Amino acid sequence: GVYWCEAAFELGKSKGKLQLKVLSLMVPLKPFLAI
């Protein structure tokens, strides 16, 4: 999902967005299993 970091300054706040994708262990095995 989406995560946010927020920096607090004397004059206000600022946010940054990061997205995390979590894949199943089967994903890297699929090409091997196909072979």
Full PDB file with SEQRES, HELIX, SHEET, SSBOND, CRYST1, ORIGX, SCALE, CONECT and MASTER records, all heavy atoms in Angstrom:
SEQRES   1 A   35  GLY VAL TYR TRP CYS GLU ALA ALA PHE GLU LEU GLY LYS          
SEQRES   2 A   35  SER LYS GLY LYS LEU GLN LEU LYS VAL LEU SER LEU MET          
SEQRES   3 A   35  VAL PRO LEU LYS PRO PHE LEU ALA ILE                          
HELIX    1 AA1 MET A   26  ALA A   34  1                                   9    
SHEET    1 AA1 2 VAL A   2  PHE A   9  0                                        
SHEET    2 AA1 2 GLY A  12  GLN A  19 -1                                        
CRYST1    1.000    1.000    1.000  90.00  90.00  90.00 P 1           1          
ORIGX1      1.000000  0.000000  0.000000        0.00000                         
ORIGX2      0.000000  1.000000  0.000000        0.00000                         
ORIGX3      0.000000  0.000000  1.000000        0.00000                         
SCALE1      1.000000  0.000000  0.000000        0.00000                         
SCALE2      0.000000  1.000000  0.000000        0.00000                         
SCALE3      0.000000  0.000000  1.000000        0.00000                         
ATOM      1  N   GLY A   1       0.803  -1.218   0.000  1.00  0.00           N  
ATOM      2  CA  GLY A   1       0.000   0.000   0.000  1.00  0.00           C  
ATOM      3  C   GLY A   1       0.832   1.263   0.000  1.00  0.00           C  
ATOM      4  O   GLY A   1       2.031   1.245  -0.306  1.00  0.00           O  
ATOM      5  N   VAL A   2       0.199   2.373   0.351  1.00  0.00           N  
ATOM      6  CA  VAL A   2       0.830   3.700   0.314  1.00  0.00           C  
ATOM      7  C   VAL A   2       1.203   4.142   1.728  1.00  0.00           C  
ATOM      8  O   VAL A   2       0.412   3.999   2.667  1.00  0.00           O  
ATOM      9  CB  VAL A   2      -0.124   4.741  -0.324  1.00  0.00           C  
ATOM     10  CG1 VAL A   2       0.482   6.139  -0.260  1.00  0.00           C  
ATOM     11  CG2 VAL A   2      -0.428   4.352  -1.768  1.00  0.00           C  
ATOM     12  N   TYR A   3       2.418   4.677   1.861  1.00  0.00           N  
ATOM     13  CA  TYR A   3       2.920   5.180   3.139  1.00  0.00           C  
ATOM     14  C   TYR A   3       3.309   6.654   2.964  1.00  0.00           C  
ATOM     15  O   TYR A   3       3.676   7.087   1.870  1.00  0.00           O  
ATOM     16  CB  TYR A   3       4.128   4.364   3.610  1.00  0.00           C  
ATOM     17  CG  TYR A   3       3.776   2.945   3.982  1.00  0.00           C  
ATOM     18  CD1 TYR A   3       3.576   1.971   2.988  1.00  0.00           C  
ATOM     19  CD2 TYR A   3       3.618   2.562   5.307  1.00  0.00           C  
ATOM     20  CE1 TYR A   3       3.230   0.667   3.314  1.00  0.00           C  
ATOM     21  CE2 TYR A   3       3.270   1.257   5.648  1.00  0.00           C  
ATOM     22  CZ  TYR A   3       3.074   0.323   4.648  1.00  0.00           C  
ATOM     23  OH  TYR A   3       2.721  -0.966   4.978  1.00  0.00           O  
ATOM     24  N   TRP A   4       3.222   7.398   4.064  1.00  0.00           N  
ATOM     25  CA  TRP A   4       3.545   8.820   4.036  1.00  0.00           C  
ATOM     26  C   TRP A   4       4.551   9.147   5.130  1.00  0.00           C  
ATOM     27  O   TRP A   4       4.478   8.602   6.235  1.00  0.00           O  
ATOM     28  CB  TRP A   4       2.286   9.672   4.276  1.00  0.00           C  
ATOM     29  CG  TRP A   4       1.232   9.509   3.235  1.00  0.00           C  
ATOM     30  CD1 TRP A   4       0.308   8.509   3.150  1.00  0.00           C  
ATOM     31  CD2 TRP A   4       0.990  10.367   2.113  1.00  0.00           C  
ATOM     32  NE1 TRP A   4      -0.503   8.696   2.052  1.00  0.00           N  
ATOM     33  CE2 TRP A   4      -0.113   9.825   1.400  1.00  0.00           C  
ATOM     34  CE3 TRP A   4       1.583  11.545   1.651  1.00  0.00           C  
ATOM     35  CZ2 TRP A   4      -0.627  10.417   0.253  1.00  0.00           C  
ATOM     36  CZ3 TRP A   4       1.076  12.133   0.510  1.00  0.00           C  
ATOM     37  CH2 TRP A   4      -0.009  11.574  -0.183  1.00  0.00           C  
ATOM     38  N   CYS A   5       5.482  10.048   4.823  1.00  0.00           N  
ATOM     39  CA  CYS A   5       6.342  10.606   5.871  1.00  0.00           C  
ATOM     40  C   CYS A   5       6.022  12.101   5.949  1.00  0.00           C  
ATOM     41  O   CYS A   5       5.837  12.758   4.929  1.00  0.00           O  
ATOM     42  CB  CYS A   5       7.818  10.387   5.560  1.00  0.00           C  
ATOM     43  SG  CYS A   5       8.389  11.132   4.027  1.00  0.00           S  
ATOM     44  N   GLU A   6       5.931  12.593   7.161  1.00  0.00           N  
ATOM     45  CA  GLU A   6       5.580  13.996   7.367  1.00  0.00           C  
ATOM     46  C   GLU A   6       6.686  14.682   8.168  1.00  0.00           C  
ATOM     47  O   GLU A   6       7.058  14.238   9.250  1.00  0.00           O  
ATOM     48  CB  GLU A   6       4.260  14.100   8.118  1.00  0.00           C  
ATOM     49  CG  GLU A   6       3.798  15.540   8.358  1.00  0.00           C  
ATOM     50  CD  GLU A   6       2.510  15.583   9.154  1.00  0.00           C  
ATOM     51  OE1 GLU A   6       2.569  15.443  10.389  1.00  0.00           O  
ATOM     52  OE2 GLU A   6       1.447  15.734   8.531  1.00  0.00           O  
ATOM     53  N   ALA A   7       7.208  15.771   7.599  1.00  0.00           N  
ATOM     54  CA  ALA A   7       8.229  16.563   8.276  1.00  0.00           C  
ATOM     55  C   ALA A   7       7.566  17.815   8.855  1.00  0.00           C  
ATOM     56  O   ALA A   7       6.846  18.521   8.152  1.00  0.00           O  
ATOM     57  CB  ALA A   7       9.331  16.959   7.297  1.00  0.00           C  
ATOM     58  N   ALA A   8       7.804  18.060  10.148  1.00  0.00           N  
ATOM     59  CA  ALA A   8       7.235  19.242  10.808  1.00  0.00           C  
ATOM     60  C   ALA A   8       8.299  20.332  10.905  1.00  0.00           C  
ATOM     61  O   ALA A   8       9.409  20.085  11.382  1.00  0.00           O  
ATOM     62  CB  ALA A   8       6.738  18.868  12.199  1.00  0.00           C  
ATOM     63  N   PHE A   9       7.957  21.541  10.420  1.00  0.00           N  
ATOM     64  CA  PHE A   9       8.843  22.703  10.485  1.00  0.00           C  
ATOM     65  C   PHE A   9       8.174  23.776  11.343  1.00  0.00           C  
ATOM     66  O   PHE A   9       6.990  23.665  11.679  1.00  0.00           O  
ATOM     67  CB  PHE A   9       9.107  23.254   9.075  1.00  0.00           C  
ATOM     68  CG  PHE A   9       9.717  22.256   8.139  1.00  0.00           C  
ATOM     69  CD1 PHE A   9       8.912  21.507   7.293  1.00  0.00           C  
ATOM     70  CD2 PHE A   9      11.087  22.064   8.092  1.00  0.00           C  
ATOM     71  CE1 PHE A   9       9.461  20.577   6.424  1.00  0.00           C  
ATOM     72  CE2 PHE A   9      11.650  21.141   7.225  1.00  0.00           C  
ATOM     73  CZ  PHE A   9      10.832  20.396   6.392  1.00  0.00           C  
ATOM     74  N   GLU A  10       8.917  24.801  11.667  1.00  0.00           N  
ATOM     75  CA  GLU A  10       8.353  25.890  12.476  1.00  0.00           C  
ATOM     76  C   GLU A  10       7.175  26.562  11.774  1.00  0.00           C  
ATOM     77  O   GLU A  10       6.223  27.002  12.415  1.00  0.00           O  
ATOM     78  CB  GLU A  10       9.440  26.928  12.790  1.00  0.00           C  
ATOM     79  CG  GLU A  10      10.478  26.435  13.785  1.00  0.00           C  
ATOM     80  CD  GLU A  10      11.484  27.508  14.126  1.00  0.00           C  
ATOM     81  OE1 GLU A  10      11.261  28.664  13.720  1.00  0.00           O  
ATOM     82  OE2 GLU A  10      12.481  27.192  14.800  1.00  0.00           O  
ATOM     83  N   LEU A  11       7.232  26.624  10.428  1.00  0.00           N  
ATOM     84  CA  LEU A  11       6.193  27.331   9.678  1.00  0.00           C  
ATOM     85  C   LEU A  11       5.115  26.408   9.116  1.00  0.00           C  
ATOM     86  O   LEU A  11       4.206  26.866   8.426  1.00  0.00           O  
ATOM     87  CB  LEU A  11       6.834  28.127   8.532  1.00  0.00           C  
ATOM     88  CG  LEU A  11       7.796  29.235   8.956  1.00  0.00           C  
ATOM     89  CD1 LEU A  11       8.395  29.915   7.735  1.00  0.00           C  
ATOM     90  CD2 LEU A  11       7.083  30.270   9.828  1.00  0.00           C  
ATOM     91  N   GLY A  12       5.218  25.105   9.385  1.00  0.00           N  
ATOM     92  CA  GLY A  12       4.204  24.208   8.857  1.00  0.00           C  
ATOM     93  C   GLY A  12       4.732  22.798   8.662  1.00  0.00           C  
ATOM     94  O   GLY A  12       5.781  22.423   9.195  1.00  0.00           O  
ATOM     95  N   LYS A  13       3.999  22.007   7.869  1.00  0.00           N  
ATOM     96  CA  LYS A  13       4.349  20.606   7.656  1.00  0.00           C  
ATOM     97  C   LYS A  13       4.432  20.298   6.162  1.00  0.00           C  
ATOM     98  O   LYS A  13       3.793  20.950   5.341  1.00  0.00           O  
ATOM     99  CB  LYS A  13       3.311  19.697   8.326  1.00  0.00           C  
ATOM    100  CG  LYS A  13       3.265  19.836   9.845  1.00  0.00           C  
ATOM    101  CD  LYS A  13       2.196  18.947  10.436  1.00  0.00           C  
ATOM    102  CE  LYS A  13       2.167  19.066  11.956  1.00  0.00           C  
ATOM    103  NZ  LYS A  13       1.113  18.203  12.558  1.00  0.00           N  
ATOM    104  N   SER A  14       5.227  19.256   5.844  1.00  0.00           N  
ATOM    105  CA  SER A  14       5.361  18.826   4.452  1.00  0.00           C  
ATOM    106  C   SER A  14       5.347  17.305   4.418  1.00  0.00           C  
ATOM    107  O   SER A  14       5.951  16.650   5.276  1.00  0.00           O  
ATOM    108  CB  SER A  14       6.672  19.355   3.856  1.00  0.00           C  
ATOM    109  OG  SER A  14       6.824  18.905   2.531  1.00  0.00           O  
ATOM    110  N   LYS A  15       4.621  16.725   3.412  1.00  0.00           N  
ATOM    111  CA  LYS A  15       4.486  15.275   3.340  1.00  0.00           C  
ATOM    112  C   LYS A  15       5.098  14.717   2.060  1.00  0.00           C  
ATOM    113  O   LYS A  15       5.094  15.362   1.018  1.00  0.00           O  
ATOM    114  CB  LYS A  15       3.005  14.868   3.393  1.00  0.00           C  
ATOM    115  CG  LYS A  15       2.415  14.851   4.787  1.00  0.00           C  
ATOM    116  CD  LYS A  15       1.015  14.260   4.757  1.00  0.00           C  
ATOM    117  CE  LYS A  15       0.440  14.162   6.159  1.00  0.00           C  
ATOM    118  NZ  LYS A  15      -0.917  13.573   6.147  1.00  0.00           N  
ATOM    119  N   GLY A  16       5.607  13.482   2.172  1.00  0.00           N  
ATOM    120  CA  GLY A  16       6.100  12.743   1.012  1.00  0.00           C  
ATOM    121  C   GLY A  16       5.413  11.394   0.951  1.00  0.00           C  
ATOM    122  O   GLY A  16       5.096  10.805   1.992  1.00  0.00           O  
ATOM    123  N   LYS A  17       5.136  10.889  -0.271  1.00  0.00           N  
ATOM    124  CA  LYS A  17       4.399   9.630  -0.445  1.00  0.00           C  
ATOM    125  C   LYS A  17       5.314   8.551  -1.009  1.00  0.00           C  
ATOM    126  O   LYS A  17       6.095   8.801  -1.915  1.00  0.00           O  
ATOM    127  CB  LYS A  17       3.209   9.852  -1.382  1.00  0.00           C  
ATOM    128  CG  LYS A  17       2.325   8.618  -1.540  1.00  0.00           C  
ATOM    129  CD  LYS A  17       1.061   8.933  -2.320  1.00  0.00           C  
ATOM    130  CE  LYS A  17       1.335   9.078  -3.801  1.00  0.00           C  
ATOM    131  NZ  LYS A  17       0.094   9.135  -4.605  1.00  0.00           N  
ATOM    132  N   LEU A  18       5.207   7.336  -0.460  1.00  0.00           N  
ATOM    133  CA  LEU A  18       5.946   6.187  -0.964  1.00  0.00           C  
ATOM    134  C   LEU A  18       4.985   5.018  -1.109  1.00  0.00           C  
ATOM    135  O   LEU A  18       4.087   4.839  -0.283  1.00  0.00           O  
ATOM    136  CB  LEU A  18       7.079   5.788  -0.011  1.00  0.00           C  
ATOM    137  CG  LEU A  18       8.144   6.840   0.287  1.00  0.00           C  
ATOM    138  CD1 LEU A  18       7.824   7.546   1.595  1.00  0.00           C  
ATOM    139  CD2 LEU A  18       9.516   6.217   0.375  1.00  0.00           C  
ATOM    140  N   GLN A  19       5.174   4.236  -2.168  1.00  0.00           N  
ATOM    141  CA  GLN A  19       4.301   3.085  -2.393  1.00  0.00           C  
ATOM    142  C   GLN A  19       5.103   1.803  -2.230  1.00  0.00           C  
ATOM    143  O   GLN A  19       6.202   1.662  -2.773  1.00  0.00           O  
ATOM    144  CB  GLN A  19       3.681   3.138  -3.788  1.00  0.00           C  
ATOM    145  CG  GLN A  19       2.687   2.011  -4.022  1.00  0.00           C  
ATOM    146  CD  GLN A  19       1.942   2.157  -5.343  1.00  0.00           C  
ATOM    147  OE1 GLN A  19       2.280   3.008  -6.151  1.00  0.00           O  
ATOM    148  NE2 GLN A  19       0.941   1.330  -5.550  1.00  0.00           N  
ATOM    149  N   LEU A  20       4.554   0.865  -1.476  1.00  0.00           N  
ATOM    150  CA  LEU A  20       5.198  -0.426  -1.249  1.00  0.00           C  
ATOM    151  C   LEU A  20       4.384  -1.518  -1.923  1.00  0.00           C  
ATOM    152  O   LEU A  20       3.180  -1.619  -1.721  1.00  0.00           O  
ATOM    153  CB  LEU A  20       5.303  -0.701   0.261  1.00  0.00           C  
ATOM    154  CG  LEU A  20       5.830  -2.081   0.666  1.00  0.00           C  
ATOM    155  CD1 LEU A  20       7.267  -2.271   0.213  1.00  0.00           C  
ATOM    156  CD2 LEU A  20       5.711  -2.285   2.171  1.00  0.00           C  
ATOM    157  N   LYS A  21       5.065  -2.336  -2.732  1.00  0.00           N  
ATOM    158  CA  LYS A  21       4.414  -3.488  -3.374  1.00  0.00           C  
ATOM    159  C   LYS A  21       5.025  -4.751  -2.786  1.00  0.00           C  
ATOM    160  O   LYS A  21       6.237  -4.946  -2.862  1.00  0.00           O  
ATOM    161  CB  LYS A  21       4.604  -3.451  -4.888  1.00  0.00           C  
ATOM    162  CG  LYS A  21       3.659  -2.500  -5.596  1.00  0.00           C  
ATOM    163  CD  LYS A  21       3.675  -2.743  -7.095  1.00  0.00           C  
ATOM    164  CE  LYS A  21       2.567  -1.971  -7.798  1.00  0.00           C  
ATOM    165  NZ  LYS A  21       1.229  -2.456  -7.416  1.00  0.00           N  
ATOM    166  N   VAL A  22       4.180  -5.583  -2.200  1.00  0.00           N  
ATOM    167  CA  VAL A  22       4.633  -6.844  -1.609  1.00  0.00           C  
ATOM    168  C   VAL A  22       4.193  -7.987  -2.521  1.00  0.00           C  
ATOM    169  O   VAL A  22       2.999  -8.196  -2.731  1.00  0.00           O  
ATOM    170  CB  VAL A  22       4.058  -7.037  -0.187  1.00  0.00           C  
ATOM    171  CG1 VAL A  22       4.564  -8.349   0.411  1.00  0.00           C  
ATOM    172  CG2 VAL A  22       4.449  -5.861   0.700  1.00  0.00           C  
ATOM    173  N   LEU A  23       5.172  -8.721  -3.054  1.00  0.00           N  
ATOM    174  CA  LEU A  23       4.887  -9.800  -3.994  1.00  0.00           C  
ATOM    175  C   LEU A  23       4.985 -11.158  -3.305  1.00  0.00           C  
ATOM    176  O   LEU A  23       5.751 -11.331  -2.354  1.00  0.00           O  
ATOM    177  CB  LEU A  23       5.875  -9.753  -5.167  1.00  0.00           C  
ATOM    178  CG  LEU A  23       5.942  -8.447  -5.962  1.00  0.00           C  
ATOM    179  CD1 LEU A  23       6.976  -8.563  -7.073  1.00  0.00           C  
ATOM    180  CD2 LEU A  23       4.590  -8.090  -6.551  1.00  0.00           C  
ATOM    181  N   SER A  24       4.223 -12.100  -3.822  1.00  0.00           N  
ATOM    182  CA  SER A  24       4.290 -13.468  -3.323  1.00  0.00           C  
ATOM    183  C   SER A  24       5.599 -14.109  -3.777  1.00  0.00           C  
ATOM    184  O   SER A  24       6.142 -13.773  -4.834  1.00  0.00           O  
ATOM    185  CB  SER A  24       3.101 -14.273  -3.858  1.00  0.00           C  
ATOM    186  OG  SER A  24       3.321 -15.654  -3.656  1.00  0.00           O  
ATOM    187  N   LEU A  25       6.107 -15.057  -2.984  1.00  0.00           N  
ATOM    188  CA  LEU A  25       7.344 -15.762  -3.358  1.00  0.00           C  
ATOM    189  C   LEU A  25       7.161 -16.574  -4.635  1.00  0.00           C  
ATOM    190  O   LEU A  25       8.133 -16.950  -5.279  1.00  0.00           O  
ATOM    191  CB  LEU A  25       7.783 -16.687  -2.217  1.00  0.00           C  
ATOM    192  CG  LEU A  25       8.371 -15.981  -0.988  1.00  0.00           C  
ATOM    193  CD1 LEU A  25       8.565 -16.975   0.141  1.00  0.00           C  
ATOM    194  CD2 LEU A  25       9.685 -15.322  -1.345  1.00  0.00           C  
ATOM    195  N   MET A  26       5.901 -16.828  -4.997  1.00  0.00           N  
ATOM    196  CA  MET A  26       5.646 -17.593  -6.224  1.00  0.00           C  
ATOM    197  C   MET A  26       5.976 -16.785  -7.467  1.00  0.00           C  
ATOM    198  O   MET A  26       6.224 -17.352  -8.535  1.00  0.00           O  
ATOM    199  CB  MET A  26       4.173 -18.009  -6.270  1.00  0.00           C  
ATOM    200  CG  MET A  26       3.789 -19.066  -5.249  1.00  0.00           C  
ATOM    201  SD  MET A  26       4.738 -20.588  -5.472  1.00  0.00           S  
ATOM    202  CE  MET A  26       4.098 -21.134  -7.056  1.00  0.00           C  
ATOM    203  N   VAL A  27       5.995 -15.451  -7.370  1.00  0.00           N  
ATOM    204  CA  VAL A  27       6.232 -14.610  -8.549  1.00  0.00           C  
ATOM    205  C   VAL A  27       7.587 -14.895  -9.189  1.00  0.00           C  
ATOM    206  O   VAL A  27       7.671 -15.164 -10.388  1.00  0.00           O  
ATOM    207  CB  VAL A  27       6.088 -13.111  -8.192  1.00  0.00           C  
ATOM    208  CG1 VAL A  27       6.502 -12.237  -9.365  1.00  0.00           C  
ATOM    209  CG2 VAL A  27       4.650 -12.808  -7.793  1.00  0.00           C  
ATOM    210  N   PRO A  28       8.719 -14.859  -8.431  1.00  0.00           N  
ATOM    211  CA  PRO A  28       9.999 -15.152  -9.079  1.00  0.00           C  
ATOM    212  C   PRO A  28      10.144 -16.617  -9.484  1.00  0.00           C  
ATOM    213  O   PRO A  28      10.982 -16.955 -10.320  1.00  0.00           O  
ATOM    214  CB  PRO A  28      11.043 -14.778  -8.009  1.00  0.00           C  
ATOM    215  CG  PRO A  28      10.318 -14.853  -6.718  1.00  0.00           C  
ATOM    216  CD  PRO A  28       8.906 -14.468  -7.024  1.00  0.00           C  
ATOM    217  N   LEU A  29       9.303 -17.519  -8.889  1.00  0.00           N  
ATOM    218  CA  LEU A  29       9.399 -18.944  -9.223  1.00  0.00           C  
ATOM    219  C   LEU A  29       8.636 -19.302 -10.491  1.00  0.00           C  
ATOM    220  O   LEU A  29       8.868 -20.364 -11.075  1.00  0.00           O  
ATOM    221  CB  LEU A  29       8.854 -19.777  -8.056  1.00  0.00           C  
ATOM    222  CG  LEU A  29       9.722 -19.846  -6.794  1.00  0.00           C  
ATOM    223  CD1 LEU A  29       8.997 -20.609  -5.708  1.00  0.00           C  
ATOM    224  CD2 LEU A  29      11.067 -20.483  -7.091  1.00  0.00           C  
ATOM    225  N   LYS A  30       7.725 -18.426 -10.930  1.00  0.00           N  
ATOM    226  CA  LYS A  30       6.880 -18.748 -12.089  1.00  0.00           C  
ATOM    227  C   LYS A  30       7.682 -19.078 -13.347  1.00  0.00           C  
ATOM    228  O   LYS A  30       7.389 -20.074 -14.026  1.00  0.00           O  
ATOM    229  CB  LYS A  30       5.906 -17.600 -12.352  1.00  0.00           C  
ATOM    230  CG  LYS A  30       4.698 -17.614 -11.409  1.00  0.00           C  
ATOM    231  CD  LYS A  30       3.732 -16.491 -11.723  1.00  0.00           C  
ATOM    232  CE  LYS A  30       2.542 -16.517 -10.765  1.00  0.00           C  
ATOM    233  NZ  LYS A  30       1.598 -15.408 -11.016  1.00  0.00           N  
ATOM    234  N   PRO A  31       8.704 -18.271 -13.730  1.00  0.00           N  
ATOM    235  CA  PRO A  31       9.477 -18.628 -14.925  1.00  0.00           C  
ATOM    236  C   PRO A  31      10.157 -19.994 -14.781  1.00  0.00           C  
ATOM    237  O   PRO A  31      10.196 -20.783 -15.726  1.00  0.00           O  
ATOM    238  CB  PRO A  31      10.512 -17.504 -15.034  1.00  0.00           C  
ATOM    239  CG  PRO A  31       9.924 -16.368 -14.274  1.00  0.00           C  
ATOM    240  CD  PRO A  31       9.154 -16.995 -13.167  1.00  0.00           C  
ATOM    241  N   PHE A  32      10.686 -20.258 -13.562  1.00  0.00           N  
ATOM    242  CA  PHE A  32      11.341 -21.540 -13.314  1.00  0.00           C  
ATOM    243  C   PHE A  32      10.351 -22.693 -13.440  1.00  0.00           C  
ATOM    244  O   PHE A  32      10.640 -23.723 -14.058  1.00  0.00           O  
ATOM    245  CB  PHE A  32      11.980 -21.532 -11.921  1.00  0.00           C  
ATOM    246  CG  PHE A  32      12.531 -22.860 -11.491  1.00  0.00           C  
ATOM    247  CD1 PHE A  32      13.704 -23.355 -12.036  1.00  0.00           C  
ATOM    248  CD2 PHE A  32      11.847 -23.631 -10.541  1.00  0.00           C  
ATOM    249  CE1 PHE A  32      14.202 -24.591 -11.633  1.00  0.00           C  
ATOM    250  CE2 PHE A  32      12.345 -24.855 -10.141  1.00  0.00           C  
ATOM    251  CZ  PHE A  32      13.525 -25.349 -10.686  1.00  0.00           C  
ATOM    252  N   LEU A  33       9.151 -22.519 -12.850  1.00  0.00           N  
ATOM    253  CA  LEU A  33       8.140 -23.568 -12.915  1.00  0.00           C  
ATOM    254  C   LEU A  33       7.668 -23.815 -14.342  1.00  0.00           C  
ATOM    255  O   LEU A  33       7.369 -24.950 -14.726  1.00  0.00           O  
ATOM    256  CB  LEU A  33       6.947 -23.190 -12.027  1.00  0.00           C  
ATOM    257  CG  LEU A  33       7.228 -23.137 -10.511  1.00  0.00           C  
ATOM    258  CD1 LEU A  33       6.006 -22.635  -9.767  1.00  0.00           C  
ATOM    259  CD2 LEU A  33       7.634 -24.516  -9.997  1.00  0.00           C  
ATOM    260  N   ALA A  34       7.620 -22.747 -15.138  1.00  0.00           N  
ATOM    261  CA  ALA A  34       7.214 -22.887 -16.537  1.00  0.00           C  
ATOM    262  C   ALA A  34       8.237 -23.732 -17.302  1.00  0.00           C  
ATOM    263  O   ALA A  34       7.872 -24.595 -18.118  1.00  0.00           O  
ATOM    264  CB  ALA A  34       7.078 -21.516 -17.176  1.00  0.00           C  
ATOM    265  N   ILE A  35       9.531 -23.493 -17.022  1.00  0.00           N  
ATOM    266  CA  ILE A  35      10.591 -24.271 -17.680  1.00  0.00           C  
ATOM    267  C   ILE A  35      10.504 -25.736 -17.259  1.00  0.00           C  
ATOM    268  O   ILE A  35      10.635 -26.651 -18.086  1.00  0.00           O  
ATOM    269  CB  ILE A  35      11.980 -23.679 -17.356  1.00  0.00           C  
ATOM    270  CG1 ILE A  35      12.104 -22.285 -17.984  1.00  0.00           C  
ATOM    271  CG2 ILE A  35      13.090 -24.586 -17.845  1.00  0.00           C  
ATOM    272  CD1 ILE A  35      13.344 -21.537 -17.547  1.00  0.00           C  
TER     273      ILE A  35                                                      
MASTER        0    0    0    1    2    0    0    6  272    1    0    3          
END                                                                             
